[in-house]
Amino acid sequence: MAEQLCRVSPEIELCWEGFGDRADPPLILIMGLATQMIAWPEEFCGQLADRGFYVVRFDNRDAGRSTHVRGRPPTIGQLAIRSGKAARYALADMAADAIGLLRELELGPAHVVGASMGGMIAQTVAARHPEWTRSLVSIMSTTGGRWVGQSSPLLYPIFLRRPGEGREAAVERTVKVFKAIGSRGLPKDLDFVREIAERSYDRDHDPYGPGRQLAAIFASGDRTSELRRISAPTTVVHGTDDRLVRPSGGRATARAIPGARLVTIEGMGHDLPRTAWPRLIDAIAANAARAESQPEPAGSGSVG
C-alpha cells in the first residue's frame, strides 16, 4: 500500500503505510527518536504480515511526512540536566497520536510494538489505553528512570547537531550515528543504513524535530509506576551491546510490567540488524499468541 495521510487530531496528521491483509489482527510499529517509519524495513514488515498480521507503520509527529510542531528544540544545557521545560508535547501526546491513527483507520485493539523512543510510546499506549492494546513488545527501550538505561549525555549532540549543508552531509551524519550506536557483535549493513538515510532526507529533513522529540522524553520523566498498570501480555527485547539505551533499561522495563518476559539478543546494539530479525519476529509472534488466549480487552476500541 502506498503512503497515506491520516488526520488523527485537529493539530496532527500522520503519514502511514499498511502491509498484509486488513482482515488479519492489526499490529502497529512505532519508531524511535529522529527516525522515520521507513526504518522498519519493508521486508521486515512483510515477514510480520506473513505471520498473520495487518502491519501498520507510521511517522511520529516531528518526523518524516507527519506534522512537524513549531518551536525550537531544547538547548544543550537543558538536555544535559534532562530538563523538559522546552517540551512542546510529551510521550502521552505521541501515544494519543498512535491511538488516533488506529481509531481513524478503524483498527483496534492492536498488537503494539515500539523501538527505542517508540518503545516508550508503545508502553504509554498499553498503560493509558488498555482497551486498544492486545499485546506489547518494547524493543531497546527503558522506563525513563534516572539510573537505568542511560547513555552518556555526550551522545545527545549527535542527534541535535546540524549537519553541513546538503543531502550528502546529512546522510554521512546518519551513517556516523549508526556506526557509533549500532551492533558490534552482529553484522552491520552500512549500505542499507545509507539507503535509509538517503530516503529519509528526501522525505523530510527538519533539523529541529529530533530535539523536540527528545524534550518530550525528558518531560515525561520516570514512568515506572505507570508501567505497573500494564495488563497486556508483554515482551521486552534488548541487545546486550546497546550503548545508547543500556541493557539495564530493558531489565527495568521487564521488572516494572507485571508478567513481562525479557528476551536478550547477544551482540545487538541500538539498531535492527537483519540477522536479529528472526528472533525479533518470533518474539513478536509468540507474544501475540499469548494474547490470543486471553479475552479481548473490555470496551474494545474496534469500530465499523
C-alpha atoms as a PDB file:
ATOM      1  CA  MET A   1       0.000   0.000   0.000  1.00  0.00           C
ATOM      2  CA  ALA A   2       1.307   3.457  -0.878  1.00  0.00           C
ATOM      3  CA  GLU A   3       1.938   6.010   1.856  1.00  0.00           C
ATOM      4  CA  GLN A   4      -1.189   7.821   3.001  1.00  0.00           C
ATOM      5  CA  LEU A   5      -2.017  10.704   5.307  1.00  0.00           C
ATOM      6  CA  CYS A   6      -4.475  10.461   8.186  1.00  0.00           C
ATOM      7  CA  ARG A   7      -5.600  13.318  10.428  1.00  0.00           C
ATOM      8  CA  VAL A   8      -5.661  11.939  13.972  1.00  0.00           C
ATOM      9  CA  SER A   9      -6.466  15.192  15.792  1.00  0.00           C
ATOM     10  CA  PRO A  10      -7.123  18.810  14.857  1.00  0.00           C
ATOM     11  CA  GLU A  11      -3.386  19.526  15.129  1.00  0.00           C
ATOM     12  CA  ILE A  12      -1.709  16.323  13.938  1.00  0.00           C
ATOM     13  CA  GLU A  13      -1.676  14.454  10.639  1.00  0.00           C
ATOM     14  CA  LEU A  14       0.294  11.198  10.395  1.00  0.00           C
ATOM     15  CA  CYS A  15       1.822   9.546   7.356  1.00  0.00           C
ATOM     16  CA  TRP A  16       1.280   5.781   7.420  1.00  0.00           C
ATOM     17  CA  GLU A  17       1.525   2.636   5.357  1.00  0.00           C
ATOM     18  CA  GLY A  18      -0.065  -0.817   5.673  1.00  0.00           C
ATOM     19  CA  PHE A  19       1.180  -4.317   4.837  1.00  0.00           C
ATOM     20  CA  GLY A  20      -0.784  -7.539   4.564  1.00  0.00           C
ATOM     21  CA  ASP A  21      -4.437  -8.480   4.790  1.00  0.00           C
ATOM     22  CA  ARG A  22      -6.612  -5.916   6.556  1.00  0.00           C
ATOM     23  CA  ALA A  23      -8.740  -8.791   7.860  1.00  0.00           C
ATOM     24  CA  ASP A  24      -5.811 -10.020   9.985  1.00  0.00           C
ATOM     25  CA  PRO A  25      -5.166  -8.797  13.545  1.00  0.00           C
ATOM     26  CA  PRO A  26      -3.643  -5.301  13.423  1.00  0.00           C
ATOM     27  CA  LEU A  27      -0.062  -4.714  14.540  1.00  0.00           C
ATOM     28  CA  ILE A  28       1.280  -1.179  14.804  1.00  0.00           C
ATOM     29  CA  LEU A  29       5.008  -0.413  14.628  1.00  0.00           C
ATOM     30  CA  ILE A  30       6.245   2.725  16.408  1.00  0.00           C
ATOM     31  CA  MET A  31       9.718   4.007  15.538  1.00  0.00           C
ATOM     32  CA  GLY A  32      12.200   5.881  17.703  1.00  0.00           C
ATOM     33  CA  LEU A  33      13.899   9.222  18.108  1.00  0.00           C
ATOM     34  CA  ALA A  34      14.830  11.104  14.944  1.00  0.00           C
ATOM     35  CA  THR A  35      13.853   8.084  12.852  1.00  0.00           C
ATOM     36  CA  GLN A  36      11.170   7.724  10.207  1.00  0.00           C
ATOM     37  CA  MET A  37       8.814   4.816   9.670  1.00  0.00           C
ATOM     38  CA  ILE A  38      10.920   3.507   6.787  1.00  0.00           C
ATOM     39  CA  ALA A  39      13.476   2.362   9.380  1.00  0.00           C
ATOM     40  CA  TRP A  40      11.036  -0.520   9.847  1.00  0.00           C
ATOM     41  CA  PRO A  41      12.209  -2.160   6.601  1.00  0.00           C
ATOM     42  CA  GLU A  42       9.564  -3.204   4.098  1.00  0.00           C
ATOM     43  CA  GLU A  43      10.879  -6.758   4.162  1.00  0.00           C
ATOM     44  CA  PHE A  44      10.625  -6.838   7.957  1.00  0.00           C
ATOM     45  CA  CYS A  45       7.024  -5.593   7.740  1.00  0.00           C
ATOM     46  CA  GLY A  46       6.303  -8.174   5.043  1.00  0.00           C
ATOM     47  CA  GLN A  47       7.635 -11.000   7.179  1.00  0.00           C
ATOM     48  CA  LEU A  48       5.369  -9.910  10.027  1.00  0.00           C
ATOM     49  CA  ALA A  49       2.435  -9.802   7.600  1.00  0.00           C
ATOM     50  CA  ASP A  50       3.329 -13.348   6.526  1.00  0.00           C
ATOM     51  CA  ARG A  51       2.912 -14.366  10.175  1.00  0.00           C
ATOM     52  CA  GLY A  52      -0.729 -13.296  10.058  1.00  0.00           C
ATOM     53  CA  PHE A  53      -0.773  -9.611  10.986  1.00  0.00           C
ATOM     54  CA  TYR A  54      -2.007  -6.481   9.254  1.00  0.00           C
ATOM     55  CA  VAL A  55       1.052  -4.307   9.827  1.00  0.00           C
ATOM     56  CA  VAL A  56       0.900  -0.525  10.092  1.00  0.00           C
ATOM     57  CA  ARG A  57       3.995   1.657  10.253  1.00  0.00           C
ATOM     58  CA  PHE A  58       3.847   5.450  10.562  1.00  0.00           C
ATOM     59  CA  ASP A  59       5.916   8.581  11.017  1.00  0.00           C
ATOM     60  CA  ASN A  60       5.695  10.034  14.509  1.00  0.00           C
ATOM     61  CA  ARG A  61       4.974  13.743  14.816  1.00  0.00           C
ATOM     62  CA  ASP A  62       8.121  15.747  14.069  1.00  0.00           C
ATOM     63  CA  ALA A  63       9.413  13.025  11.729  1.00  0.00           C
ATOM     64  CA  GLY A  64       9.060  12.231   8.047  1.00  0.00           C
ATOM     65  CA  ARG A  65       5.875  13.333   6.362  1.00  0.00           C
ATOM     66  CA  SER A  66       3.785  13.660   9.513  1.00  0.00           C
ATOM     67  CA  THR A  67       3.019  17.028  11.109  1.00  0.00           C
ATOM     68  CA  HIS A  68       6.009  18.960  12.410  1.00  0.00           C
ATOM     69  CA  VAL A  69       5.320  21.012  15.522  1.00  0.00           C
ATOM     70  CA  ARG A  70       6.581  24.565  15.600  1.00  0.00           C
ATOM     71  CA  GLY A  71       9.183  25.581  18.129  1.00  0.00           C
ATOM     72  CA  ARG A  72      12.916  25.421  18.687  1.00  0.00           C
ATOM     73  CA  PRO A  73      14.459  22.363  20.319  1.00  0.00           C
ATOM     74  CA  PRO A  74      15.987  22.402  23.811  1.00  0.00           C
ATOM     75  CA  THR A  75      19.464  23.754  24.306  1.00  0.00           C
ATOM     76  CA  ILE A  76      22.444  21.526  25.050  1.00  0.00           C
ATOM     77  CA  GLY A  77      22.326  22.857  28.611  1.00  0.00           C
ATOM     78  CA  GLN A  78      18.697  21.850  29.039  1.00  0.00           C
ATOM     79  CA  LEU A  79      19.459  18.403  27.664  1.00  0.00           C
ATOM     80  CA  ALA A  80      22.420  17.993  29.997  1.00  0.00           C
ATOM     81  CA  ILE A  81      20.121  18.350  33.012  1.00  0.00           C
ATOM     82  CA  ARG A  82      17.296  16.412  31.304  1.00  0.00           C
ATOM     83  CA  SER A  83      15.010  19.426  31.506  1.00  0.00           C
ATOM     84  CA  GLY A  84      11.548  19.147  29.983  1.00  0.00           C
ATOM     85  CA  LYS A  85      10.960  22.908  30.029  1.00  0.00           C
ATOM     86  CA  ALA A  86      11.403  23.215  26.281  1.00  0.00           C
ATOM     87  CA  ALA A  87       8.945  20.418  25.533  1.00  0.00           C
ATOM     88  CA  ARG A  88       6.037  21.228  23.216  1.00  0.00           C
ATOM     89  CA  TYR A  89       4.426  17.835  23.981  1.00  0.00           C
ATOM     90  CA  ALA A  90       5.004  14.615  25.949  1.00  0.00           C
ATOM     91  CA  LEU A  91       5.119  10.899  25.214  1.00  0.00           C
ATOM     92  CA  ALA A  92       1.445  10.715  26.208  1.00  0.00           C
ATOM     93  CA  ASP A  93       0.610  13.007  23.285  1.00  0.00           C
ATOM     94  CA  MET A  94       2.573  10.800  20.909  1.00  0.00           C
ATOM     95  CA  ALA A  95       0.745   7.758  22.279  1.00  0.00           C
ATOM     96  CA  ALA A  96      -2.541   9.570  21.651  1.00  0.00           C
ATOM     97  CA  ASP A  97      -1.405  10.086  18.044  1.00  0.00           C
ATOM     98  CA  ALA A  98      -0.997   6.314  17.638  1.00  0.00           C
ATOM     99  CA  ILE A  99      -4.410   5.684  19.164  1.00  0.00           C
ATOM    100  CA  GLY A 100      -5.899   8.309  16.875  1.00  0.00           C
ATOM    101  CA  LEU A 101      -4.438   6.513  13.872  1.00  0.00           C
ATOM    102  CA  LEU A 102      -5.922   3.177  14.958  1.00  0.00           C
ATOM    103  CA  ARG A 103      -9.258   4.876  15.580  1.00  0.00           C
ATOM    104  CA  GLU A 104      -9.403   6.663  12.253  1.00  0.00           C
ATOM    105  CA  LEU A 105      -8.333   3.528  10.363  1.00  0.00           C
ATOM    106  CA  GLU A 106     -10.918   1.500  12.308  1.00  0.00           C
ATOM    107  CA  LEU A 107      -8.226  -0.878  13.533  1.00  0.00           C
ATOM    108  CA  GLY A 108      -8.166  -1.975  17.109  1.00  0.00           C
ATOM    109  CA  PRO A 109      -7.335  -3.246  19.558  1.00  0.00           C
ATOM    110  CA  ALA A 110      -3.860  -3.818  18.115  1.00  0.00           C
ATOM    111  CA  HIS A 111      -0.612  -5.560  18.900  1.00  0.00           C
ATOM    112  CA  VAL A 112       1.677  -2.657  19.772  1.00  0.00           C
ATOM    113  CA  VAL A 113       5.411  -2.815  19.002  1.00  0.00           C
ATOM    114  CA  GLY A 114       7.885   0.008  19.574  1.00  0.00           C
ATOM    115  CA  ALA A 115      11.639   0.509  19.328  1.00  0.00           C
ATOM    116  CA  SER A 116      13.682   2.928  21.459  1.00  0.00           C
ATOM    117  CA  MET A 117      11.556   6.078  21.936  1.00  0.00           C
ATOM    118  CA  GLY A 118       8.905   4.124  20.057  1.00  0.00           C
ATOM    119  CA  GLY A 119       9.081   1.559  22.860  1.00  0.00           C
ATOM    120  CA  MET A 120       8.375   4.331  25.359  1.00  0.00           C
ATOM    121  CA  ILE A 121       5.398   5.429  23.277  1.00  0.00           C
ATOM    122  CA  ALA A 122       4.192   1.825  22.976  1.00  0.00           C
ATOM    123  CA  GLN A 123       4.490   1.388  26.747  1.00  0.00           C
ATOM    124  CA  THR A 124       2.416   4.528  27.228  1.00  0.00           C
ATOM    125  CA  VAL A 125      -0.224   3.246  24.816  1.00  0.00           C
ATOM    126  CA  ALA A 126      -0.503  -0.001  26.798  1.00  0.00           C
ATOM    127  CA  ALA A 127      -0.589   1.777  30.165  1.00  0.00           C
ATOM    128  CA  ARG A 128      -3.074   4.515  29.281  1.00  0.00           C
ATOM    129  CA  HIS A 129      -5.148   2.847  26.575  1.00  0.00           C
ATOM    130  CA  PRO A 130      -5.530  -0.827  27.557  1.00  0.00           C
ATOM    131  CA  GLU A 131      -8.723  -1.128  25.525  1.00  0.00           C
ATOM    132  CA  TRP A 132      -6.680  -0.545  22.368  1.00  0.00           C
ATOM    133  CA  THR A 133      -3.822  -2.896  23.281  1.00  0.00           C
ATOM    134  CA  ARG A 134      -3.821  -6.625  22.518  1.00  0.00           C
ATOM    135  CA  SER A 135      -0.154  -7.105  23.362  1.00  0.00           C
ATOM    136  CA  LEU A 136       3.005  -5.046  23.844  1.00  0.00           C
ATOM    137  CA  VAL A 137       6.574  -5.576  22.629  1.00  0.00           C
ATOM    138  CA  SER A 138       9.091  -2.983  23.828  1.00  0.00           C
ATOM    139  CA  ILE A 139      12.430  -3.137  21.974  1.00  0.00           C
ATOM    140  CA  MET A 140      15.691  -1.461  23.138  1.00  0.00           C
ATOM    141  CA  SER A 141      13.767   0.932  25.374  1.00  0.00           C
ATOM    142  CA  THR A 142      13.566   1.958  29.024  1.00  0.00           C
ATOM    143  CA  THR A 143      11.358   3.292  31.813  1.00  0.00           C
ATOM    144  CA  GLY A 144      12.607   6.865  31.999  1.00  0.00           C
ATOM    145  CA  GLY A 145      14.240   6.128  35.363  1.00  0.00           C
ATOM    146  CA  ARG A 146      17.344   8.224  36.008  1.00  0.00           C
ATOM    147  CA  TRP A 147      19.554   5.292  36.964  1.00  0.00           C
ATOM    148  CA  VAL A 148      18.690   2.740  34.277  1.00  0.00           C
ATOM    149  CA  GLY A 149      19.219   2.611  30.532  1.00  0.00           C
ATOM    150  CA  GLN A 150      21.161   5.837  30.462  1.00  0.00           C
ATOM    151  CA  SER A 151      23.634   6.671  27.752  1.00  0.00           C
ATOM    152  CA  SER A 152      26.282   9.316  28.065  1.00  0.00           C
ATOM    153  CA  PRO A 153      24.946  12.861  27.583  1.00  0.00           C
ATOM    154  CA  LEU A 154      27.831  13.250  25.152  1.00  0.00           C
ATOM    155  CA  LEU A 155      25.748  11.276  22.656  1.00  0.00           C
ATOM    156  CA  TYR A 156      22.877  13.790  22.651  1.00  0.00           C
ATOM    157  CA  PRO A 157      24.594  16.312  20.387  1.00  0.00           C
ATOM    158  CA  ILE A 158      24.855  13.605  17.723  1.00  0.00           C
ATOM    159  CA  PHE A 159      21.110  13.927  17.266  1.00  0.00           C
ATOM    160  CA  LEU A 160      20.931  17.684  17.678  1.00  0.00           C
ATOM    161  CA  ARG A 161      23.974  18.985  15.822  1.00  0.00           C
ATOM    162  CA  ARG A 162      23.022  20.297  12.438  1.00  0.00           C
ATOM    163  CA  PRO A 163      24.980  18.619   9.680  1.00  0.00           C
ATOM    164  CA  GLY A 164      26.694  20.567   6.958  1.00  0.00           C
ATOM    165  CA  GLU A 165      24.511  21.885   4.208  1.00  0.00           C
ATOM    166  CA  GLY A 166      23.042  19.436   1.757  1.00  0.00           C
ATOM    167  CA  ARG A 167      21.910  15.884   1.358  1.00  0.00           C
ATOM    168  CA  GLU A 168      25.293  14.170   1.442  1.00  0.00           C
ATOM    169  CA  ALA A 169      26.326  15.804   4.710  1.00  0.00           C
ATOM    170  CA  ALA A 170      23.059  14.752   6.355  1.00  0.00           C
ATOM    171  CA  VAL A 171      23.418  11.197   5.087  1.00  0.00           C
ATOM    172  CA  GLU A 172      27.005  10.958   6.322  1.00  0.00           C
ATOM    173  CA  ARG A 173      25.941  12.195   9.753  1.00  0.00           C
ATOM    174  CA  THR A 174      23.303   9.436   9.962  1.00  0.00           C
ATOM    175  CA  VAL A 175      25.811   6.772   8.944  1.00  0.00           C
ATOM    176  CA  LYS A 176      28.198   8.109  11.597  1.00  0.00           C
ATOM    177  CA  VAL A 177      25.465   7.843  14.251  1.00  0.00           C
ATOM    178  CA  PHE A 178      24.711   4.221  13.417  1.00  0.00           C
ATOM    179  CA  LYS A 179      28.394   3.352  13.380  1.00  0.00           C
ATOM    180  CA  ALA A 180      28.503   4.692  16.947  1.00  0.00           C
ATOM    181  CA  ILE A 181      25.354   3.102  18.358  1.00  0.00           C
ATOM    182  CA  GLY A 182      24.726   0.065  16.137  1.00  0.00           C
ATOM    183  CA  SER A 183      25.515  -3.592  16.745  1.00  0.00           C
ATOM    184  CA  ARG A 184      29.151  -4.519  17.163  1.00  0.00           C
ATOM    185  CA  GLY A 185      28.522  -8.217  17.821  1.00  0.00           C
ATOM    186  CA  LEU A 186      26.332  -8.755  14.735  1.00  0.00           C
ATOM    187  CA  PRO A 187      26.943  -7.893  11.075  1.00  0.00           C
ATOM    188  CA  LYS A 188      26.027  -4.330  10.136  1.00  0.00           C
ATOM    189  CA  ASP A 189      24.778  -3.395   6.694  1.00  0.00           C
ATOM    190  CA  LEU A 190      26.009   0.177   6.304  1.00  0.00           C
ATOM    191  CA  ASP A 191      24.887   0.255   2.682  1.00  0.00           C
ATOM    192  CA  PHE A 192      21.335  -0.294   3.906  1.00  0.00           C
ATOM    193  CA  VAL A 193      21.799   2.380   6.592  1.00  0.00           C
ATOM    194  CA  ARG A 194      22.953   4.779   3.892  1.00  0.00           C
ATOM    195  CA  GLU A 195      19.968   3.907   1.692  1.00  0.00           C
ATOM    196  CA  ILE A 196      17.510   4.582   4.534  1.00  0.00           C
ATOM    197  CA  ALA A 197      19.327   7.836   5.335  1.00  0.00           C
ATOM    198  CA  GLU A 198      19.052   8.980   1.718  1.00  0.00           C
ATOM    199  CA  ARG A 199      15.360   8.115   1.530  1.00  0.00           C
ATOM    200  CA  SER A 200      14.731   9.811   4.866  1.00  0.00           C
ATOM    201  CA  TYR A 201      16.394  13.021   3.722  1.00  0.00           C
ATOM    202  CA  ASP A 202      14.305  13.015   0.565  1.00  0.00           C
ATOM    203  CA  ARG A 203      11.133  12.569   2.612  1.00  0.00           C
ATOM    204  CA  ASP A 204      11.981  15.279   5.174  1.00  0.00           C
ATOM    205  CA  HIS A 205      14.952  16.987   6.823  1.00  0.00           C
ATOM    206  CA  ASP A 206      13.709  19.120   9.722  1.00  0.00           C
ATOM    207  CA  PRO A 207      16.822  19.716  11.863  1.00  0.00           C
ATOM    208  CA  TYR A 208      14.812  20.628  14.969  1.00  0.00           C
ATOM    209  CA  GLY A 209      12.350  17.708  15.103  1.00  0.00           C
ATOM    210  CA  PRO A 210      14.683  15.308  16.950  1.00  0.00           C
ATOM    211  CA  GLY A 211      15.307  17.838  19.703  1.00  0.00           C
ATOM    212  CA  ARG A 212      11.590  18.380  20.233  1.00  0.00           C
ATOM    213  CA  GLN A 213      11.092  14.621  20.459  1.00  0.00           C
ATOM    214  CA  LEU A 214      13.932  14.297  22.972  1.00  0.00           C
ATOM    215  CA  ALA A 215      12.413  17.067  25.079  1.00  0.00           C
ATOM    216  CA  ALA A 216       9.159  15.059  25.125  1.00  0.00           C
ATOM    217  CA  ILE A 217      11.030  12.097  26.595  1.00  0.00           C
ATOM    218  CA  PHE A 218      12.527  14.225  29.348  1.00  0.00           C
ATOM    219  CA  ALA A 219       9.212  15.949  30.068  1.00  0.00           C
ATOM    220  CA  SER A 220       7.612  12.531  30.623  1.00  0.00           C
ATOM    221  CA  GLY A 221      10.006  11.626  33.426  1.00  0.00           C
ATOM    222  CA  ASP A 222      10.184   8.265  35.174  1.00  0.00           C
ATOM    223  CA  ARG A 223       7.233   6.171  34.022  1.00  0.00           C
ATOM    224  CA  THR A 224       7.907   3.116  36.220  1.00  0.00           C
ATOM    225  CA  SER A 225       4.747   3.457  38.306  1.00  0.00           C
ATOM    226  CA  GLU A 226       2.669   3.870  35.149  1.00  0.00           C
ATOM    227  CA  LEU A 227       4.171   0.725  33.619  1.00  0.00           C
ATOM    228  CA  ARG A 228       2.942  -1.293  36.601  1.00  0.00           C
ATOM    229  CA  ARG A 229      -0.606  -0.694  35.329  1.00  0.00           C
ATOM    230  CA  ILE A 230       0.010  -2.535  32.052  1.00  0.00           C
ATOM    231  CA  SER A 231      -2.109  -5.673  31.797  1.00  0.00           C
ATOM    232  CA  ALA A 232      -1.463  -6.708  28.185  1.00  0.00           C
ATOM    233  CA  PRO A 233       0.912  -9.640  27.556  1.00  0.00           C
ATOM    234  CA  THR A 234       4.336  -8.033  27.249  1.00  0.00           C
ATOM    235  CA  THR A 235       7.739  -8.993  25.910  1.00  0.00           C
ATOM    236  CA  VAL A 236      10.776  -6.761  26.379  1.00  0.00           C
ATOM    237  CA  VAL A 237      13.631  -7.187  23.878  1.00  0.00           C
ATOM    238  CA  HIS A 238      17.092  -5.730  24.365  1.00  0.00           C
ATOM    239  CA  GLY A 239      20.524  -6.205  22.834  1.00  0.00           C
ATOM    240  CA  THR A 240      23.494  -6.943  25.041  1.00  0.00           C
ATOM    241  CA  ASP A 241      25.618  -4.388  23.145  1.00  0.00           C
ATOM    242  CA  ASP A 242      23.277  -1.394  23.300  1.00  0.00           C
ATOM    243  CA  ARG A 243      25.276   1.708  24.225  1.00  0.00           C
ATOM    244  CA  LEU A 244      22.560   4.285  23.623  1.00  0.00           C
ATOM    245  CA  VAL A 245      19.906   2.693  25.860  1.00  0.00           C
ATOM    246  CA  ARG A 246      21.904   0.357  28.041  1.00  0.00           C
ATOM    247  CA  PRO A 247      20.504  -3.113  28.822  1.00  0.00           C
ATOM    248  CA  SER A 248      19.613  -2.049  32.363  1.00  0.00           C
ATOM    249  CA  GLY A 249      16.753  -0.095  30.751  1.00  0.00           C
ATOM    250  CA  GLY A 250      15.287  -3.254  29.281  1.00  0.00           C
ATOM    251  CA  ARG A 251      15.675  -5.155  32.543  1.00  0.00           C
ATOM    252  CA  ALA A 252      13.957  -2.342  34.460  1.00  0.00           C
ATOM    253  CA  THR A 253      11.107  -2.297  31.939  1.00  0.00           C
ATOM    254  CA  ALA A 254      10.564  -6.040  32.312  1.00  0.00           C
ATOM    255  CA  ARG A 255      10.603  -5.757  36.106  1.00  0.00           C
ATOM    256  CA  ALA A 256       8.062  -2.931  36.074  1.00  0.00           C
ATOM    257  CA  ILE A 257       5.445  -4.587  33.841  1.00  0.00           C
ATOM    258  CA  PRO A 258       3.537  -7.440  35.502  1.00  0.00           C
ATOM    259  CA  GLY A 259       4.195 -10.777  33.818  1.00  0.00           C
ATOM    260  CA  ALA A 260       6.601  -9.323  31.236  1.00  0.00           C
ATOM    261  CA  ARG A 261       9.120 -11.618  29.566  1.00  0.00           C
ATOM    262  CA  LEU A 262      12.654 -10.454  28.805  1.00  0.00           C
ATOM    263  CA  VAL A 263      14.405 -11.550  25.606  1.00  0.00           C
ATOM    264  CA  THR A 264      18.058 -10.606  25.194  1.00  0.00           C
ATOM    265  CA  ILE A 265      19.848 -10.725  21.842  1.00  0.00           C
ATOM    266  CA  GLU A 266      23.584 -11.267  22.106  1.00  0.00           C
ATOM    267  CA  GLY A 267      25.646  -8.682  20.253  1.00  0.00           C
ATOM    268  CA  MET A 268      22.740  -6.454  19.203  1.00  0.00           C
ATOM    269  CA  GLY A 269      23.219  -2.734  19.671  1.00  0.00           C
ATOM    270  CA  HIS A 270      20.785   0.111  19.172  1.00  0.00           C
ATOM    271  CA  ASP A 271      19.591  -0.948  15.743  1.00  0.00           C
ATOM    272  CA  LEU A 272      17.634  -3.689  13.980  1.00  0.00           C
ATOM    273  CA  PRO A 273      20.281  -5.787  12.207  1.00  0.00           C
ATOM    274  CA  ARG A 274      18.934  -8.264   9.679  1.00  0.00           C
ATOM    275  CA  THR A 275      20.492 -11.210  11.497  1.00  0.00           C
ATOM    276  CA  ALA A 276      18.345 -10.371  14.542  1.00  0.00           C
ATOM    277  CA  TRP A 277      15.069 -10.278  12.598  1.00  0.00           C
ATOM    278  CA  PRO A 278      14.179 -13.957  13.181  1.00  0.00           C
ATOM    279  CA  ARG A 279      14.497 -13.501  16.957  1.00  0.00           C
ATOM    280  CA  LEU A 280      12.544 -10.245  16.869  1.00  0.00           C
ATOM    281  CA  ILE A 281       9.747 -11.589  14.678  1.00  0.00           C
ATOM    282  CA  ASP A 282       9.489 -14.801  16.683  1.00  0.00           C
ATOM    283  CA  ALA A 283       9.270 -12.780  19.913  1.00  0.00           C
ATOM    284  CA  ILE A 284       6.530 -10.550  18.491  1.00  0.00           C
ATOM    285  CA  ALA A 285       4.530 -13.515  17.168  1.00  0.00           C
ATOM    286  CA  ALA A 286       4.913 -15.523  20.377  1.00  0.00           C
ATOM    287  CA  ASN A 287       3.798 -12.580  22.487  1.00  0.00           C
ATOM    288  CA  ALA A 288       0.774 -12.042  20.239  1.00  0.00           C
ATOM    289  CA  ALA A 289      -0.092 -15.725  20.639  1.00  0.00           C
ATOM    290  CA  ARG A 290      -0.135 -15.222  24.412  1.00  0.00           C
ATOM    291  CA  ALA A 291      -2.735 -12.514  23.892  1.00  0.00           C
ATOM    292  CA  GLU A 292      -4.937 -14.769  21.779  1.00  0.00           C
ATOM    293  CA  SER A 293      -5.558 -16.989  24.808  1.00  0.00           C
ATOM    294  CA  GLN A 294      -6.895 -14.026  26.770  1.00  0.00           C
ATOM    295  CA  PRO A 295     -10.281 -12.294  26.428  1.00  0.00           C
ATOM    296  CA  GLU A 296     -10.352  -9.185  24.231  1.00  0.00           C
ATOM    297  CA  PRO A 297      -9.873  -6.020  26.310  1.00  0.00           C
ATOM    298  CA  ALA A 298     -13.089  -4.696  27.775  1.00  0.00           C
ATOM    299  CA  GLY A 299     -14.558  -1.765  25.884  1.00  0.00           C
ATOM    300  CA  SER A 300     -12.606  -2.606  22.746  1.00  0.00           C
ATOM    301  CA  GLY A 301     -11.745   0.323  20.542  1.00  0.00           C
ATOM    302  CA  SER A 302     -12.825  -1.570  17.406  1.00  0.00           C
ATOM    303  CA  VAL A 303     -15.265   0.288  15.233  1.00  0.00           C
ATOM    304  CA  GLY A 304     -17.010  -0.428  11.997  1.00  0.00           C
END
